[in-house]
Protein backbone atom coordinates (compact mmCIF):
# COMPACT_ATOMS: atom_id res chain seq x y z
CA UNK A 1 -87.70 -16.01 62.54
CA UNK A 2 -91.49 -15.61 62.87
CA UNK A 3 -90.98 -13.06 65.61
CA UNK A 4 -88.64 -11.02 63.39
CA UNK A 5 -91.15 -11.06 60.53
CA UNK A 6 -93.94 -10.08 62.89
CA UNK A 7 -91.90 -7.20 64.28
CA UNK A 8 -90.94 -6.08 60.79
CA UNK A 9 -94.57 -6.19 59.67
CA UNK A 10 -95.78 -4.33 62.76
CA UNK A 11 -93.13 -1.63 62.41
CA UNK A 12 -94.05 -1.23 58.72
CA UNK A 13 -97.73 -0.81 59.58
CA UNK A 14 -96.93 1.75 62.28
CA UNK A 15 -94.62 3.66 59.96
CA UNK A 16 -97.20 3.75 57.17
CA UNK A 17 -99.97 4.88 59.51
CA UNK A 18 -97.72 7.63 60.85
CA UNK A 19 -96.86 8.74 57.33
CA UNK A 20 -100.53 8.72 56.34
CA UNK A 21 -101.27 11.12 59.16
CA UNK A 22 -98.19 13.20 58.38
CA UNK A 23 -99.11 13.80 54.71
CA UNK A 24 -102.15 16.11 54.46
CA UNK A 25 -104.41 15.70 51.48
CA UNK A 26 -106.33 18.98 51.75
CA UNK A 27 -105.82 22.35 53.29
CA UNK A 28 -108.97 24.42 53.86
CA UNK A 29 -108.84 28.15 54.53
CA UNK A 30 -111.64 30.61 54.80
CA UNK A 31 -113.90 32.85 56.78
CA UNK A 32 -117.54 32.92 57.73
CA UNK A 33 -120.24 34.09 60.07
CA UNK A 34 -121.83 37.46 60.52
CA UNK A 35 -125.48 38.21 59.87
CA UNK A 36 -125.75 35.85 56.89
CA UNK A 37 -123.54 33.06 58.25
CA UNK A 38 -122.08 32.63 54.76
CA UNK A 39 -118.74 30.82 54.49
CA UNK A 40 -116.13 31.48 51.82
CA UNK A 41 -113.63 28.65 51.60
CA UNK A 42 -110.58 27.63 49.58
CA UNK A 43 -109.65 23.96 49.29
CA UNK A 44 -106.04 23.27 48.31
CA UNK A 45 -104.94 19.77 47.37
CA UNK A 46 -101.39 18.59 47.93
CA UNK A 47 -101.10 18.46 44.12
CA UNK A 48 -101.85 22.18 43.77
CA UNK A 49 -105.49 22.08 42.68
CA UNK A 50 -107.55 24.82 44.28
CA UNK A 51 -111.31 25.08 44.54
CA UNK A 52 -113.08 28.18 45.80
CA UNK A 53 -116.58 27.92 47.16
CA UNK A 54 -119.28 29.39 49.35
CA UNK A 55 -122.20 28.13 51.37
CA UNK A 56 -123.94 28.13 54.69
CA UNK A 57 -122.99 24.67 55.95
CA UNK A 58 -122.24 22.60 52.86
CA UNK A 59 -119.69 24.36 50.71
CA UNK A 60 -120.29 24.27 46.97
CA UNK A 61 -117.07 24.83 45.06
CA UNK A 62 -117.91 26.72 41.87
CA UNK A 63 -114.46 28.00 40.86
CA UNK A 64 -111.18 26.22 40.17
CA UNK A 65 -107.58 27.34 39.99
CA UNK A 66 -104.15 25.89 40.52
CA UNK A 67 -100.71 26.51 41.88
CA UNK A 68 -97.53 24.57 41.25
CA UNK A 69 -97.22 21.30 43.13
CA UNK A 70 -94.00 22.60 44.68
CA UNK A 71 -95.83 25.63 46.06
CA UNK A 72 -98.62 23.42 47.46
CA UNK A 73 -96.07 21.19 49.19
CA UNK A 74 -94.43 24.31 50.64
CA UNK A 75 -97.79 25.45 52.08
CA UNK A 76 -98.41 22.04 53.63
CA UNK A 77 -94.90 22.03 55.09
CA UNK A 78 -95.34 25.51 56.57
CA UNK A 79 -98.67 24.75 58.23
CA UNK A 80 -97.38 21.43 59.57
CA UNK A 81 -94.39 23.22 61.12
CA UNK A 82 -96.69 25.21 63.41
CA UNK A 83 -96.53 23.47 66.74
CA UNK A 84 -99.93 24.51 68.12
CA UNK A 85 -102.01 21.33 68.09
CA UNK A 86 -105.22 23.32 67.67
CA UNK A 87 -106.73 26.71 68.37
CA UNK A 88 -110.49 26.96 68.60
CA UNK A 89 -111.95 30.37 69.47
CA UNK A 90 -114.48 31.31 66.78
CA UNK A 91 -116.46 34.52 67.07
CA UNK A 92 -119.47 35.93 65.27
CA UNK A 93 -117.09 36.52 62.35
CA UNK A 94 -114.46 33.81 62.24
CA UNK A 95 -111.48 32.62 60.23
CA UNK A 96 -110.21 29.08 59.90
CA UNK A 97 -107.51 26.75 58.66
CA UNK A 98 -108.11 22.99 58.52
CA UNK A 99 -105.57 20.35 57.58
CA UNK A 100 -107.36 17.19 56.46
CA UNK A 101 -105.92 13.82 55.54
CA UNK A 102 -107.06 10.22 55.75
CA UNK A 103 -106.45 9.86 59.47
CA UNK A 104 -106.16 13.29 61.09
CA UNK A 105 -107.78 16.71 61.07
CA UNK A 106 -106.14 19.70 62.68
CA UNK A 107 -108.15 22.89 62.95
CA UNK A 108 -107.38 26.48 63.82
CA UNK A 109 -110.41 28.77 64.24
CA UNK A 110 -110.37 32.30 65.59
CA UNK A 111 -112.35 35.52 65.77
CA UNK A 112 -113.62 35.57 69.35
CA UNK A 113 -112.91 38.80 71.19
CA UNK A 114 -110.26 38.41 73.86
CA UNK A 115 -108.42 35.58 72.09
CA UNK A 116 -105.54 36.54 69.86
CA UNK A 117 -104.67 34.10 67.10
CA UNK A 118 -101.13 32.72 67.49
CA UNK A 119 -98.83 34.85 65.34
CA UNK A 120 -97.56 32.07 63.06
CA UNK A 121 -101.12 30.97 62.27
CA UNK A 122 -102.26 34.53 61.56
CA UNK A 123 -99.29 35.25 59.29
CA UNK A 124 -99.74 31.98 57.41
CA UNK A 125 -103.45 32.71 56.90
CA UNK A 126 -102.94 36.28 55.65
CA UNK A 127 -100.13 35.38 53.26
CA UNK A 128 -101.95 32.35 51.88
CA UNK A 129 -105.31 34.13 51.46
CA UNK A 130 -103.56 37.01 49.68
CA UNK A 131 -101.88 34.54 47.32
CA UNK A 132 -105.11 32.64 46.66
CA UNK A 133 -107.10 35.84 46.10
CA UNK A 134 -104.70 36.89 43.32
CA UNK A 135 -105.05 33.64 41.34
CA UNK A 136 -107.14 33.42 38.19
CA UNK A 137 -110.16 31.15 38.69
CA UNK A 138 -112.38 29.50 36.13
CA UNK A 139 -115.98 28.46 36.74
CA UNK A 140 -116.42 24.71 37.04
CA UNK A 141 -119.03 23.03 34.84
CA UNK A 142 -120.44 21.00 37.68
CA UNK A 143 -120.03 22.39 41.23
CA UNK A 144 -117.95 20.21 43.55
CA UNK A 145 -118.95 19.47 47.14
């Protein structure tokens, strides 16, 4: 009986840790580099809250917007369905997508000459950035880091 309980507990822990890694909390998209090195970044929560910010290394989010929770979940599902584990080829000007949760971070960075971004990643980025660019944003009273 103790063995069964131990196995049940262990399988529960493993299942929960897998689910924690499988459920992203934030999706970051943006671009940066060039002469100034300035980064423009969008942070999307799984609940649909969006913050837009800029910075050199530490991003200061000064604008807020939102999308429907259903739309946010769809974005997270789409990016998770891409089977490339990572793609890291930044250039002087670079673009990025980061999926961040409690346990895992997956990153796609591109811009280096000679390395073409995988098509699904490029399409996801363009469509999502276009959608985020069209949203109305309000200034936040206290910038978020």
